[in-house]
Amino acid sequence: MSGYSDQAAAVAAALGRLNVRPNERVLILLPDGPDFAPAFAGVIHYGAIPLTVNPLLPARDIMTLAAAAGARLILATLDTIDALAELDAKPPLLINGPYGCWAALLRLR
């Protein structure tokens, strides 16, 4: 359970570094699996609102959904972040998990 709470705390801390405010929306673009739950919990723990989206959608559709929802940023896997990076000029902030770097936060414009 320590790894789970450590990952959730890492997500919450990253949201703080990115100046996310309570009640702002965070789009979670992670596949089902062990990384999803701590990411979701970290967003809630921080006081933001998690919005889940299917990571198999095309990048443009994801950004359209994020904009329509008023999301502040996107939490995604490193595999997905490359496809989204061309849509945002700022580099992602990487989050370290127990098995290495597992996710990144992409700030929306």
N, C-alpha and C. Protein backbone atom coordinates (compact mmCIF):
# COMPACT_ATOMS: atom_id res chain seq x y z
N MET A 1 0.82 -1.20 0.00
CA MET A 1 0.00 0.00 0.00
C MET A 1 0.86 1.25 0.00
N SER A 2 2.09 1.15 0.46
CA SER A 2 2.96 2.32 0.50
C SER A 2 3.22 2.87 -0.89
N GLY A 3 3.47 2.00 -1.87
CA GLY A 3 3.71 2.46 -3.24
C GLY A 3 2.52 3.22 -3.79
N TYR A 4 1.31 2.73 -3.51
CA TYR A 4 0.09 3.38 -3.97
C TYR A 4 -0.02 4.78 -3.39
N SER A 5 0.14 4.91 -2.08
CA SER A 5 0.01 6.23 -1.45
C SER A 5 1.16 7.15 -1.85
N ASP A 6 2.35 6.59 -2.09
CA ASP A 6 3.48 7.40 -2.56
C ASP A 6 3.20 7.97 -3.95
N GLN A 7 2.62 7.15 -4.83
CA GLN A 7 2.29 7.62 -6.17
C GLN A 7 1.20 8.68 -6.12
N ALA A 8 0.17 8.45 -5.30
CA ALA A 8 -0.91 9.44 -5.16
C ALA A 8 -0.35 10.76 -4.64
N ALA A 9 0.56 10.68 -3.67
CA ALA A 9 1.17 11.89 -3.12
C ALA A 9 2.03 12.59 -4.18
N ALA A 10 2.72 11.81 -5.03
CA ALA A 10 3.53 12.40 -6.10
C ALA A 10 2.65 13.15 -7.10
N VAL A 11 1.50 12.60 -7.42
CA VAL A 11 0.57 13.27 -8.34
C VAL A 11 0.08 14.56 -7.69
N ALA A 12 -0.33 14.50 -6.43
CA ALA A 12 -0.81 15.70 -5.73
C ALA A 12 0.27 16.77 -5.67
N ALA A 13 1.51 16.38 -5.39
CA ALA A 13 2.61 17.34 -5.33
C ALA A 13 2.86 17.97 -6.70
N ALA A 14 2.77 17.17 -7.76
CA ALA A 14 2.98 17.69 -9.12
C ALA A 14 1.89 18.70 -9.47
N LEU A 15 0.67 18.44 -9.07
CA LEU A 15 -0.41 19.39 -9.32
C LEU A 15 -0.10 20.73 -8.65
N GLY A 16 0.44 20.66 -7.44
CA GLY A 16 0.82 21.88 -6.73
C GLY A 16 1.92 22.63 -7.46
N ARG A 17 2.93 21.91 -7.97
CA ARG A 17 4.03 22.56 -8.70
C ARG A 17 3.54 23.22 -9.98
N LEU A 18 2.45 22.71 -10.52
CA LEU A 18 1.89 23.29 -11.74
C LEU A 18 0.81 24.32 -11.46
N ASN A 19 0.68 24.69 -10.20
CA ASN A 19 -0.28 25.72 -9.78
C ASN A 19 -1.73 25.41 -10.12
N VAL A 20 -2.08 24.13 -10.08
CA VAL A 20 -3.48 23.75 -10.23
C VAL A 20 -4.21 24.19 -8.98
N ARG A 21 -5.37 24.76 -9.15
CA ARG A 21 -6.15 25.22 -8.00
C ARG A 21 -7.21 24.18 -7.65
N PRO A 22 -7.66 24.17 -6.39
CA PRO A 22 -8.75 23.26 -6.02
C PRO A 22 -9.95 23.47 -6.94
N ASN A 23 -10.61 22.39 -7.25
CA ASN A 23 -11.79 22.36 -8.11
C ASN A 23 -11.49 22.55 -9.59
N GLU A 24 -10.23 22.70 -9.98
CA GLU A 24 -9.91 22.71 -11.41
C GLU A 24 -9.94 21.27 -11.91
N ARG A 25 -10.25 21.11 -13.18
CA ARG A 25 -10.36 19.78 -13.77
C ARG A 25 -9.02 19.30 -14.30
N VAL A 26 -8.76 18.00 -14.04
CA VAL A 26 -7.56 17.33 -14.53
C VAL A 26 -8.01 16.14 -15.36
N LEU A 27 -7.64 16.13 -16.62
CA LEU A 27 -8.01 15.04 -17.50
C LEU A 27 -7.03 13.89 -17.31
N ILE A 28 -7.54 12.72 -16.96
CA ILE A 28 -6.69 11.55 -16.73
C ILE A 28 -6.78 10.65 -17.97
N LEU A 29 -5.66 10.51 -18.61
CA LEU A 29 -5.57 9.77 -19.87
C LEU A 29 -4.67 8.55 -19.65
N LEU A 30 -5.07 7.69 -18.74
CA LEU A 30 -4.29 6.50 -18.39
C LEU A 30 -5.12 5.26 -18.67
N PRO A 31 -4.48 4.19 -19.15
CA PRO A 31 -5.22 2.94 -19.37
C PRO A 31 -5.57 2.30 -18.03
N ASP A 32 -6.54 1.39 -18.06
CA ASP A 32 -6.84 0.63 -16.86
C ASP A 32 -5.58 -0.12 -16.44
N GLY A 33 -5.33 -0.16 -15.15
CA GLY A 33 -4.14 -0.84 -14.66
C GLY A 33 -3.71 -0.26 -13.34
N PRO A 34 -2.56 -0.68 -12.86
CA PRO A 34 -2.12 -0.27 -11.52
C PRO A 34 -1.79 1.21 -11.38
N ASP A 35 -1.54 1.92 -12.46
CA ASP A 35 -1.22 3.34 -12.37
C ASP A 35 -2.46 4.22 -12.27
N PHE A 36 -3.59 3.71 -12.74
CA PHE A 36 -4.79 4.54 -12.81
C PHE A 36 -5.28 4.96 -11.42
N ALA A 37 -5.41 4.01 -10.50
CA ALA A 37 -5.99 4.30 -9.18
C ALA A 37 -5.20 5.36 -8.40
N PRO A 38 -3.87 5.26 -8.29
CA PRO A 38 -3.17 6.30 -7.54
C PRO A 38 -3.22 7.67 -8.23
N ALA A 39 -3.29 7.68 -9.56
CA ALA A 39 -3.42 8.96 -10.27
C ALA A 39 -4.77 9.60 -9.93
N PHE A 40 -5.82 8.81 -10.00
CA PHE A 40 -7.16 9.30 -9.69
C PHE A 40 -7.22 9.78 -8.23
N ALA A 41 -6.66 8.97 -7.32
CA ALA A 41 -6.65 9.33 -5.90
C ALA A 41 -5.82 10.59 -5.64
N GLY A 42 -4.71 10.74 -6.34
CA GLY A 42 -3.87 11.92 -6.16
C GLY A 42 -4.58 13.19 -6.58
N VAL A 43 -5.34 13.13 -7.67
CA VAL A 43 -6.09 14.30 -8.13
C VAL A 43 -7.16 14.66 -7.09
N ILE A 44 -7.86 13.65 -6.59
CA ILE A 44 -8.89 13.90 -5.57
C ILE A 44 -8.26 14.43 -4.29
N HIS A 45 -7.16 13.82 -3.87
CA HIS A 45 -6.48 14.24 -2.64
C HIS A 45 -6.07 15.71 -2.72
N TYR A 46 -5.64 16.12 -3.88
CA TYR A 46 -5.23 17.51 -4.07
C TYR A 46 -6.42 18.47 -4.03
N GLY A 47 -7.59 17.96 -4.34
CA GLY A 47 -8.79 18.81 -4.34
C GLY A 47 -9.23 19.21 -5.74
N ALA A 48 -8.58 18.62 -6.75
CA ALA A 48 -8.99 18.88 -8.13
C ALA A 48 -10.05 17.86 -8.54
N ILE A 49 -10.61 18.03 -9.72
CA ILE A 49 -11.67 17.16 -10.20
C ILE A 49 -11.11 16.28 -11.31
N PRO A 50 -11.08 14.95 -11.10
CA PRO A 50 -10.56 14.05 -12.13
C PRO A 50 -11.59 13.79 -13.22
N LEU A 51 -11.14 13.85 -14.47
CA LEU A 51 -11.98 13.50 -15.62
C LEU A 51 -11.25 12.41 -16.39
N THR A 52 -11.88 11.26 -16.56
CA THR A 52 -11.21 10.16 -17.26
C THR A 52 -11.61 10.12 -18.72
N VAL A 53 -10.62 9.82 -19.56
CA VAL A 53 -10.82 9.76 -21.01
C VAL A 53 -10.09 8.53 -21.55
N ASN A 54 -10.66 7.92 -22.56
CA ASN A 54 -10.06 6.76 -23.20
C ASN A 54 -8.74 7.17 -23.87
N PRO A 55 -7.62 6.56 -23.48
CA PRO A 55 -6.33 6.95 -24.05
C PRO A 55 -6.15 6.53 -25.52
N LEU A 56 -7.08 5.77 -26.06
CA LEU A 56 -6.98 5.33 -27.45
C LEU A 56 -7.55 6.35 -28.44
N LEU A 57 -8.16 7.41 -27.93
CA LEU A 57 -8.70 8.45 -28.81
C LEU A 57 -7.55 9.20 -29.51
N PRO A 58 -7.79 9.74 -30.69
CA PRO A 58 -6.76 10.56 -31.35
C PRO A 58 -6.46 11.82 -30.53
N ALA A 59 -5.24 12.30 -30.64
CA ALA A 59 -4.77 13.45 -29.85
C ALA A 59 -5.68 14.67 -30.02
N ARG A 60 -6.09 14.96 -31.23
CA ARG A 60 -6.96 16.13 -31.46
C ARG A 60 -8.29 15.99 -30.73
N ASP A 61 -8.86 14.78 -30.71
CA ASP A 61 -10.12 14.55 -29.99
C ASP A 61 -9.93 14.73 -28.49
N ILE A 62 -8.80 14.26 -27.99
CA ILE A 62 -8.51 14.40 -26.56
C ILE A 62 -8.42 15.88 -26.19
N MET A 63 -7.70 16.65 -27.01
CA MET A 63 -7.57 18.07 -26.71
C MET A 63 -8.91 18.80 -26.83
N THR A 64 -9.75 18.37 -27.78
CA THR A 64 -11.08 18.97 -27.90
C THR A 64 -11.91 18.69 -26.66
N LEU A 65 -11.86 17.44 -26.18
CA LEU A 65 -12.58 17.09 -24.95
C LEU A 65 -12.05 17.87 -23.75
N ALA A 66 -10.74 17.98 -23.67
CA ALA A 66 -10.13 18.70 -22.55
C ALA A 66 -10.56 20.16 -22.55
N ALA A 67 -10.57 20.77 -23.72
CA ALA A 67 -10.98 22.18 -23.82
C ALA A 67 -12.45 22.34 -23.47
N ALA A 68 -13.30 21.44 -23.98
CA ALA A 68 -14.74 21.52 -23.70
C ALA A 68 -15.03 21.34 -22.21
N ALA A 69 -14.24 20.51 -21.55
CA ALA A 69 -14.44 20.26 -20.12
C ALA A 69 -13.80 21.33 -19.25
N GLY A 70 -12.98 22.18 -19.84
CA GLY A 70 -12.27 23.19 -19.07
C GLY A 70 -11.14 22.60 -18.24
N ALA A 71 -10.51 21.54 -18.74
CA ALA A 71 -9.43 20.89 -18.00
C ALA A 71 -8.21 21.79 -17.93
N ARG A 72 -7.56 21.78 -16.79
CA ARG A 72 -6.34 22.58 -16.56
C ARG A 72 -5.12 21.91 -17.14
N LEU A 73 -5.08 20.57 -17.08
CA LEU A 73 -3.95 19.82 -17.59
C LEU A 73 -4.36 18.39 -17.85
N ILE A 74 -3.46 17.66 -18.47
CA ILE A 74 -3.69 16.26 -18.81
C ILE A 74 -2.62 15.41 -18.12
N LEU A 75 -3.06 14.35 -17.49
CA LEU A 75 -2.17 13.36 -16.89
C LEU A 75 -2.17 12.16 -17.82
N ALA A 76 -1.00 11.81 -18.37
CA ALA A 76 -0.93 10.76 -19.39
C ALA A 76 0.30 9.90 -19.22
N THR A 77 0.28 8.74 -19.87
CA THR A 77 1.47 7.88 -19.87
C THR A 77 2.53 8.51 -20.76
N LEU A 78 3.75 8.10 -20.58
CA LEU A 78 4.84 8.61 -21.41
C LEU A 78 4.63 8.25 -22.88
N ASP A 79 4.03 7.10 -23.14
CA ASP A 79 3.74 6.71 -24.52
C ASP A 79 2.75 7.66 -25.18
N THR A 80 1.78 8.11 -24.43
CA THR A 80 0.73 8.98 -24.96
C THR A 80 1.19 10.43 -25.03
N ILE A 81 2.05 10.82 -24.12
CA ILE A 81 2.43 12.23 -24.01
C ILE A 81 3.11 12.73 -25.29
N ASP A 82 3.83 11.84 -25.98
CA ASP A 82 4.51 12.26 -27.22
C ASP A 82 3.50 12.73 -28.27
N ALA A 83 2.39 12.04 -28.39
CA ALA A 83 1.37 12.43 -29.36
C ALA A 83 0.72 13.75 -28.98
N LEU A 84 0.64 14.03 -27.69
CA LEU A 84 0.01 15.27 -27.23
C LEU A 84 0.99 16.43 -27.18
N ALA A 85 2.28 16.14 -27.08
CA ALA A 85 3.29 17.19 -26.90
C ALA A 85 3.27 18.20 -28.04
N GLU A 86 2.96 17.75 -29.25
CA GLU A 86 2.94 18.69 -30.37
C GLU A 86 1.80 19.69 -30.25
N LEU A 87 0.85 19.42 -29.35
CA LEU A 87 -0.28 20.31 -29.17
C LEU A 87 -0.04 21.32 -28.05
N ASP A 88 1.09 21.22 -27.37
CA ASP A 88 1.41 22.12 -26.25
C ASP A 88 2.89 22.47 -26.32
N ALA A 89 3.20 23.74 -26.19
CA ALA A 89 4.58 24.20 -26.34
C ALA A 89 5.44 23.92 -25.12
N LYS A 90 4.84 23.67 -23.98
CA LYS A 90 5.63 23.48 -22.76
C LYS A 90 5.96 22.00 -22.57
N PRO A 91 7.16 21.69 -22.06
CA PRO A 91 7.50 20.29 -21.82
C PRO A 91 6.71 19.73 -20.65
N PRO A 92 6.45 18.42 -20.65
CA PRO A 92 5.70 17.81 -19.55
C PRO A 92 6.54 17.73 -18.29
N LEU A 93 5.86 17.64 -17.16
CA LEU A 93 6.51 17.42 -15.88
C LEU A 93 6.39 15.94 -15.58
N LEU A 94 7.50 15.25 -15.38
CA LEU A 94 7.49 13.81 -15.16
C LEU A 94 7.28 13.48 -13.69
N ILE A 95 6.56 12.38 -13.45
CA ILE A 95 6.27 11.93 -12.09
C ILE A 95 6.94 10.58 -11.90
N ASN A 96 7.70 10.43 -10.84
CA ASN A 96 8.37 9.16 -10.57
C ASN A 96 7.48 8.25 -9.75
N GLY A 97 7.35 7.01 -10.21
CA GLY A 97 6.62 5.98 -9.49
C GLY A 97 7.59 4.91 -9.03
N PRO A 98 7.10 3.88 -8.40
CA PRO A 98 7.99 2.85 -7.88
C PRO A 98 8.71 2.06 -8.98
N TYR A 99 8.22 2.09 -10.22
CA TYR A 99 8.84 1.35 -11.31
C TYR A 99 9.46 2.30 -12.33
N GLY A 100 9.83 3.47 -11.92
CA GLY A 100 10.40 4.45 -12.82
C GLY A 100 9.40 5.52 -13.17
N CYS A 101 9.72 6.27 -14.18
CA CYS A 101 8.86 7.38 -14.59
C CYS A 101 7.66 6.81 -15.35
N TRP A 102 6.47 7.00 -14.80
CA TRP A 102 5.30 6.35 -15.35
C TRP A 102 4.27 7.29 -15.93
N ALA A 103 4.35 8.57 -15.66
CA ALA A 103 3.32 9.48 -16.16
C ALA A 103 3.88 10.87 -16.29
N ALA A 104 3.16 11.71 -16.97
CA ALA A 104 3.58 13.09 -17.16
C ALA A 104 2.37 13.99 -17.11
N LEU A 105 2.58 15.21 -16.70
CA LEU A 105 1.51 16.20 -16.70
C LEU A 105 1.76 17.16 -17.84
N LEU A 106 0.77 17.38 -18.64
CA LEU A 106 0.89 18.29 -19.76
C LEU A 106 -0.02 19.48 -19.51
N ARG A 107 0.57 20.66 -19.39
CA ARG A 107 -0.22 21.85 -19.13
C ARG A 107 -0.97 22.26 -20.40
N LEU A 108 -2.20 22.60 -20.24
CA LEU A 108 -2.95 23.08 -21.38
C LEU A 108 -2.70 24.57 -21.56
N ARG A 109 -2.83 25.04 -22.77
CA ARG A 109 -2.61 26.47 -23.05
C ARG A 109 -3.68 27.30 -22.40
